[in-house]
Amino acid sequence: MYSAVSDRLVTPREVPFSVNATGPFYVTDQCILCALPVETALANIQWHYEAGCTACPRSCHVIKQPEDEDELAAVIAAMLGSCVQAIRYRGSDPAILRRLVDLGAGQLCDAL
């Protein structure tokens, strides 16, 4: 079973959006509001709205790190579908790194 809590973090290669939940998965400050990540991993990725405007999303961000295989699969699917590759992994779990490389997403792994 996957646990983000035990995942050792490396220094992010990109600038994380400031409101991401602490942990290995993060959204960069380059999100362009494509909506795919929010629709794909709703339990883990949501919109961050401009202050005072609930109709004005600024970016998506990680609200909760994956807690089980289903959430992990959803976040990875969101990573793969993000049009600007704004979702990254800065953890060091060998199984996740291998999984992302095998899916052709090694460039989204800050530990590689």
N, C-alpha and C. Protein backbone atom coordinates (compact mmCIF):
# COMPACT_ATOMS: atom_id res chain seq x y z
N MET A 1 0.85 -1.20 0.00
CA MET A 1 0.00 0.00 0.00
C MET A 1 0.88 1.25 0.00
N TYR A 2 0.49 2.22 -0.79
CA TYR A 2 1.26 3.46 -0.90
C TYR A 2 1.00 4.37 0.30
N SER A 3 2.04 5.02 0.78
CA SER A 3 1.91 6.01 1.85
C SER A 3 2.82 7.19 1.55
N ALA A 4 2.23 8.34 1.29
CA ALA A 4 3.00 9.54 1.01
C ALA A 4 3.81 9.98 2.22
N VAL A 5 3.38 9.59 3.41
CA VAL A 5 4.04 10.01 4.64
C VAL A 5 5.47 9.49 4.71
N SER A 6 5.70 8.27 4.24
CA SER A 6 7.04 7.67 4.35
C SER A 6 7.92 7.98 3.14
N ASP A 7 7.43 8.72 2.19
CA ASP A 7 8.17 9.03 0.98
C ASP A 7 9.19 10.15 1.25
N ARG A 8 10.48 9.86 1.07
CA ARG A 8 11.52 10.87 1.26
C ARG A 8 11.46 11.87 0.11
N LEU A 9 11.48 13.15 0.45
CA LEU A 9 11.35 14.20 -0.56
C LEU A 9 12.70 14.72 -1.01
N VAL A 10 12.78 15.06 -2.29
CA VAL A 10 13.96 15.72 -2.84
C VAL A 10 13.58 17.17 -3.14
N THR A 11 14.57 17.98 -3.42
CA THR A 11 14.32 19.38 -3.75
C THR A 11 13.54 19.46 -5.06
N PRO A 12 12.44 20.22 -5.08
CA PRO A 12 11.67 20.33 -6.32
C PRO A 12 12.49 21.00 -7.42
N ARG A 13 12.32 20.53 -8.64
CA ARG A 13 13.00 21.15 -9.79
C ARG A 13 12.24 22.36 -10.31
N GLU A 14 10.96 22.38 -10.06
CA GLU A 14 10.11 23.50 -10.50
C GLU A 14 9.58 24.22 -9.25
N VAL A 15 9.01 25.39 -9.45
CA VAL A 15 8.46 26.15 -8.33
C VAL A 15 7.06 25.62 -8.01
N PRO A 16 6.87 25.03 -6.82
CA PRO A 16 5.54 24.55 -6.46
C PRO A 16 4.60 25.72 -6.18
N PHE A 17 3.34 25.56 -6.57
CA PHE A 17 2.32 26.53 -6.20
C PHE A 17 2.26 26.54 -4.68
N SER A 18 2.18 27.69 -4.08
CA SER A 18 2.37 27.84 -2.63
C SER A 18 1.34 27.14 -1.75
N VAL A 19 0.18 26.77 -2.27
CA VAL A 19 -0.86 26.20 -1.41
C VAL A 19 -0.97 24.67 -1.52
N ASN A 20 -0.03 24.01 -2.19
CA ASN A 20 -0.06 22.55 -2.27
C ASN A 20 0.03 21.93 -0.88
N ALA A 21 -0.64 20.79 -0.71
CA ALA A 21 -0.48 20.01 0.51
C ALA A 21 0.96 19.51 0.57
N THR A 22 1.52 19.44 1.75
CA THR A 22 2.88 18.95 1.93
C THR A 22 2.97 17.49 1.49
N GLY A 23 4.01 17.18 0.74
CA GLY A 23 4.21 15.80 0.31
C GLY A 23 4.86 15.71 -1.05
N PRO A 24 4.94 14.51 -1.59
CA PRO A 24 5.72 14.29 -2.81
C PRO A 24 5.09 14.79 -4.10
N PHE A 25 3.78 14.86 -4.18
CA PHE A 25 3.15 15.34 -5.40
C PHE A 25 2.84 16.82 -5.25
N TYR A 26 3.09 17.58 -6.32
CA TYR A 26 2.79 19.02 -6.27
C TYR A 26 2.43 19.53 -7.65
N VAL A 27 1.72 20.65 -7.65
CA VAL A 27 1.41 21.36 -8.89
C VAL A 27 2.34 22.57 -8.92
N THR A 28 2.95 22.81 -10.08
CA THR A 28 3.85 23.95 -10.21
C THR A 28 3.03 25.24 -10.28
N ASP A 29 3.74 26.34 -10.30
CA ASP A 29 3.06 27.63 -10.44
C ASP A 29 2.74 27.95 -11.90
N GLN A 30 2.81 26.93 -12.79
CA GLN A 30 2.56 27.12 -14.22
C GLN A 30 1.23 26.54 -14.70
N CYS A 31 0.35 26.13 -13.80
CA CYS A 31 -0.95 25.57 -14.19
C CYS A 31 -1.70 26.59 -15.05
N ILE A 32 -2.34 26.10 -16.14
CA ILE A 32 -3.06 27.02 -17.03
C ILE A 32 -4.57 26.75 -17.04
N LEU A 33 -5.07 26.05 -16.02
CA LEU A 33 -6.51 25.86 -15.83
C LEU A 33 -7.16 24.97 -16.89
N CYS A 34 -6.51 23.90 -17.29
CA CYS A 34 -7.08 23.01 -18.30
C CYS A 34 -8.23 22.16 -17.76
N ALA A 35 -8.34 22.02 -16.46
CA ALA A 35 -9.42 21.29 -15.76
C ALA A 35 -9.21 19.78 -15.70
N LEU A 36 -8.35 19.21 -16.54
CA LEU A 36 -8.17 17.77 -16.52
C LEU A 36 -7.72 17.25 -15.16
N PRO A 37 -6.72 17.84 -14.49
CA PRO A 37 -6.30 17.30 -13.20
C PRO A 37 -7.42 17.29 -12.16
N VAL A 38 -8.19 18.35 -12.11
CA VAL A 38 -9.28 18.43 -11.14
C VAL A 38 -10.34 17.38 -11.44
N GLU A 39 -10.64 17.17 -12.69
CA GLU A 39 -11.65 16.18 -13.07
C GLU A 39 -11.13 14.75 -12.91
N THR A 40 -9.84 14.55 -13.04
CA THR A 40 -9.25 13.22 -12.98
C THR A 40 -8.95 12.77 -11.56
N ALA A 41 -8.52 13.67 -10.71
CA ALA A 41 -8.10 13.33 -9.34
C ALA A 41 -8.79 14.25 -8.33
N LEU A 42 -10.09 14.31 -8.38
CA LEU A 42 -10.86 15.25 -7.55
C LEU A 42 -10.60 15.10 -6.05
N ALA A 43 -10.32 13.92 -5.57
CA ALA A 43 -10.06 13.73 -4.14
C ALA A 43 -8.73 14.34 -3.72
N ASN A 44 -7.85 14.59 -4.69
CA ASN A 44 -6.50 15.05 -4.36
C ASN A 44 -6.12 16.40 -4.96
N ILE A 45 -6.76 16.77 -6.05
CA ILE A 45 -6.42 18.02 -6.74
C ILE A 45 -7.69 18.84 -6.91
N GLN A 46 -7.63 20.09 -6.48
CA GLN A 46 -8.78 20.98 -6.62
C GLN A 46 -8.32 22.36 -7.05
N TRP A 47 -9.30 23.19 -7.38
CA TRP A 47 -9.02 24.57 -7.77
C TRP A 47 -8.63 25.41 -6.57
N HIS A 48 -7.79 26.39 -6.82
CA HIS A 48 -7.49 27.44 -5.85
C HIS A 48 -8.03 28.73 -6.46
N TYR A 49 -8.91 29.39 -5.74
CA TYR A 49 -9.60 30.57 -6.28
C TYR A 49 -8.95 31.86 -5.82
N GLU A 50 -9.05 32.87 -6.67
CA GLU A 50 -8.61 34.21 -6.30
C GLU A 50 -9.40 34.67 -5.08
N ALA A 51 -8.78 35.40 -4.21
CA ALA A 51 -9.45 35.89 -3.00
C ALA A 51 -10.69 36.69 -3.38
N GLY A 52 -11.83 36.33 -2.79
CA GLY A 52 -13.07 37.06 -3.00
C GLY A 52 -13.81 36.72 -4.27
N CYS A 53 -13.35 35.72 -5.03
CA CYS A 53 -14.01 35.40 -6.30
C CYS A 53 -14.09 33.89 -6.48
N THR A 54 -15.23 33.31 -6.16
CA THR A 54 -15.38 31.86 -6.27
C THR A 54 -15.54 31.41 -7.73
N ALA A 55 -15.61 32.34 -8.66
CA ALA A 55 -15.70 31.99 -10.08
C ALA A 55 -14.37 32.25 -10.80
N CYS A 56 -13.33 32.53 -10.03
CA CYS A 56 -12.04 32.91 -10.62
C CYS A 56 -10.91 31.98 -10.16
N PRO A 57 -10.84 30.75 -10.69
CA PRO A 57 -9.73 29.89 -10.27
C PRO A 57 -8.40 30.46 -10.74
N ARG A 58 -7.40 30.37 -9.89
CA ARG A 58 -6.06 30.85 -10.24
C ARG A 58 -5.21 29.69 -10.74
N SER A 59 -5.43 28.52 -10.15
CA SER A 59 -4.62 27.35 -10.46
C SER A 59 -5.27 26.15 -9.82
N CYS A 60 -4.84 24.97 -10.21
CA CYS A 60 -5.20 23.80 -9.42
C CYS A 60 -4.05 23.56 -8.46
N HIS A 61 -4.29 22.77 -7.44
CA HIS A 61 -3.24 22.46 -6.47
C HIS A 61 -3.57 21.15 -5.78
N VAL A 62 -2.56 20.52 -5.21
CA VAL A 62 -2.75 19.28 -4.46
C VAL A 62 -3.32 19.65 -3.10
N ILE A 63 -4.53 19.16 -2.82
CA ILE A 63 -5.14 19.43 -1.51
C ILE A 63 -4.87 18.31 -0.52
N LYS A 64 -4.56 17.12 -1.06
CA LYS A 64 -4.32 15.95 -0.21
C LYS A 64 -3.45 14.98 -0.99
N GLN A 65 -2.41 14.49 -0.35
CA GLN A 65 -1.56 13.49 -0.99
C GLN A 65 -2.32 12.17 -1.11
N PRO A 66 -2.02 11.37 -2.12
CA PRO A 66 -2.71 10.09 -2.28
C PRO A 66 -2.52 9.21 -1.04
N GLU A 67 -3.61 8.56 -0.65
CA GLU A 67 -3.58 7.70 0.54
C GLU A 67 -3.74 6.22 0.22
N ASP A 68 -4.10 5.90 -1.01
CA ASP A 68 -4.27 4.50 -1.39
C ASP A 68 -3.98 4.36 -2.88
N GLU A 69 -4.03 3.15 -3.37
CA GLU A 69 -3.69 2.88 -4.77
C GLU A 69 -4.63 3.60 -5.74
N ASP A 70 -5.92 3.68 -5.42
CA ASP A 70 -6.86 4.36 -6.31
C ASP A 70 -6.52 5.84 -6.44
N GLU A 71 -6.24 6.49 -5.33
CA GLU A 71 -5.88 7.91 -5.37
C GLU A 71 -4.54 8.10 -6.07
N LEU A 72 -3.59 7.21 -5.82
CA LEU A 72 -2.29 7.30 -6.49
C LEU A 72 -2.47 7.16 -8.00
N ALA A 73 -3.27 6.20 -8.43
CA ALA A 73 -3.53 6.02 -9.87
C ALA A 73 -4.18 7.25 -10.47
N ALA A 74 -5.10 7.87 -9.74
CA ALA A 74 -5.78 9.08 -10.24
C ALA A 74 -4.80 10.24 -10.37
N VAL A 75 -3.93 10.42 -9.39
CA VAL A 75 -2.95 11.51 -9.46
C VAL A 75 -1.97 11.27 -10.60
N ILE A 76 -1.54 10.03 -10.78
CA ILE A 76 -0.64 9.72 -11.90
C ILE A 76 -1.35 9.97 -13.23
N ALA A 77 -2.62 9.60 -13.34
CA ALA A 77 -3.38 9.88 -14.57
C ALA A 77 -3.46 11.38 -14.81
N ALA A 78 -3.65 12.16 -13.75
CA ALA A 78 -3.69 13.61 -13.89
C ALA A 78 -2.33 14.14 -14.35
N MET A 79 -1.25 13.57 -13.81
CA MET A 79 0.10 13.97 -14.24
C MET A 79 0.27 13.74 -15.74
N LEU A 80 -0.13 12.55 -16.18
CA LEU A 80 0.04 12.18 -17.58
C LEU A 80 -0.81 13.03 -18.51
N GLY A 81 -1.95 13.49 -18.04
CA GLY A 81 -2.87 14.25 -18.88
C GLY A 81 -2.70 15.75 -18.81
N SER A 82 -1.94 16.23 -17.86
CA SER A 82 -1.75 17.67 -17.71
C SER A 82 -1.09 18.24 -18.96
N CYS A 83 -1.75 19.18 -19.61
CA CYS A 83 -1.26 19.68 -20.90
C CYS A 83 0.06 20.44 -20.80
N VAL A 84 0.38 20.99 -19.64
CA VAL A 84 1.64 21.71 -19.48
C VAL A 84 2.56 21.02 -18.48
N GLN A 85 2.25 19.77 -18.17
CA GLN A 85 3.06 18.98 -17.23
C GLN A 85 3.29 19.73 -15.92
N ALA A 86 2.22 20.28 -15.37
CA ALA A 86 2.30 21.08 -14.16
C ALA A 86 2.23 20.26 -12.87
N ILE A 87 2.01 18.95 -12.98
CA ILE A 87 1.97 18.11 -11.79
C ILE A 87 3.24 17.28 -11.77
N ARG A 88 3.95 17.32 -10.65
CA ARG A 88 5.25 16.67 -10.55
C ARG A 88 5.33 15.79 -9.31
N TYR A 89 6.34 14.93 -9.30
CA TYR A 89 6.60 14.03 -8.17
C TYR A 89 8.00 14.31 -7.66
N ARG A 90 8.13 14.67 -6.39
CA ARG A 90 9.44 14.93 -5.80
C ARG A 90 9.78 13.93 -4.70
N GLY A 91 9.15 12.78 -4.79
CA GLY A 91 9.42 11.71 -3.85
C GLY A 91 10.52 10.81 -4.36
N SER A 92 10.83 9.79 -3.56
CA SER A 92 11.92 8.89 -3.91
C SER A 92 11.50 7.42 -3.88
N ASP A 93 10.22 7.14 -3.80
CA ASP A 93 9.74 5.76 -3.76
C ASP A 93 10.12 5.08 -5.08
N PRO A 94 10.97 4.04 -5.02
CA PRO A 94 11.44 3.40 -6.27
C PRO A 94 10.31 2.85 -7.13
N ALA A 95 9.27 2.34 -6.51
CA ALA A 95 8.15 1.77 -7.29
C ALA A 95 7.42 2.87 -8.06
N ILE A 96 7.24 4.03 -7.45
CA ILE A 96 6.55 5.13 -8.14
C ILE A 96 7.45 5.71 -9.23
N LEU A 97 8.73 5.87 -8.94
CA LEU A 97 9.66 6.36 -9.95
C LEU A 97 9.67 5.43 -11.16
N ARG A 98 9.75 4.13 -10.92
CA ARG A 98 9.75 3.14 -12.00
C ARG A 98 8.44 3.20 -12.78
N ARG A 99 7.34 3.32 -12.05
CA ARG A 99 6.01 3.39 -12.69
C ARG A 99 5.91 4.59 -13.61
N LEU A 100 6.38 5.74 -13.13
CA LEU A 100 6.31 6.95 -13.95
C LEU A 100 7.24 6.86 -15.16
N VAL A 101 8.42 6.31 -14.97
CA VAL A 101 9.34 6.13 -16.10
C VAL A 101 8.73 5.18 -17.12
N ASP A 102 8.17 4.07 -16.65
CA ASP A 102 7.55 3.10 -17.56
C ASP A 102 6.39 3.69 -18.34
N LEU A 103 5.73 4.70 -17.75
CA LEU A 103 4.61 5.37 -18.42
C LEU A 103 5.08 6.51 -19.32
N GLY A 104 6.39 6.71 -19.40
CA GLY A 104 6.94 7.78 -20.23
C GLY A 104 6.92 9.14 -19.57
N ALA A 105 6.85 9.17 -18.23
CA ALA A 105 6.75 10.43 -17.50
C ALA A 105 7.94 10.66 -16.58
N GLY A 106 9.08 10.10 -16.91
CA GLY A 106 10.27 10.30 -16.08
C GLY A 106 10.65 11.75 -15.92
N GLN A 107 10.34 12.57 -16.91
CA GLN A 107 10.67 13.99 -16.84
C GLN A 107 9.89 14.73 -15.75
N LEU A 108 8.86 14.09 -15.20
CA LEU A 108 8.06 14.70 -14.13
C LEU A 108 8.53 14.28 -12.74
N CYS A 109 9.64 13.56 -12.69
CA CYS A 109 10.19 13.05 -11.42
C CYS A 109 11.40 13.88 -11.03
N ASP A 110 11.30 14.61 -9.96
CA ASP A 110 12.40 15.47 -9.53
C ASP A 110 13.60 14.70 -9.01
N ALA A 111 13.42 13.43 -8.62
CA ALA A 111 14.52 12.63 -8.09
C ALA A 111 15.38 12.02 -9.20
N LEU A 112 14.95 12.12 -10.43
CA LEU A 112 15.71 11.51 -11.53
C LEU A 112 16.56 12.54 -12.26
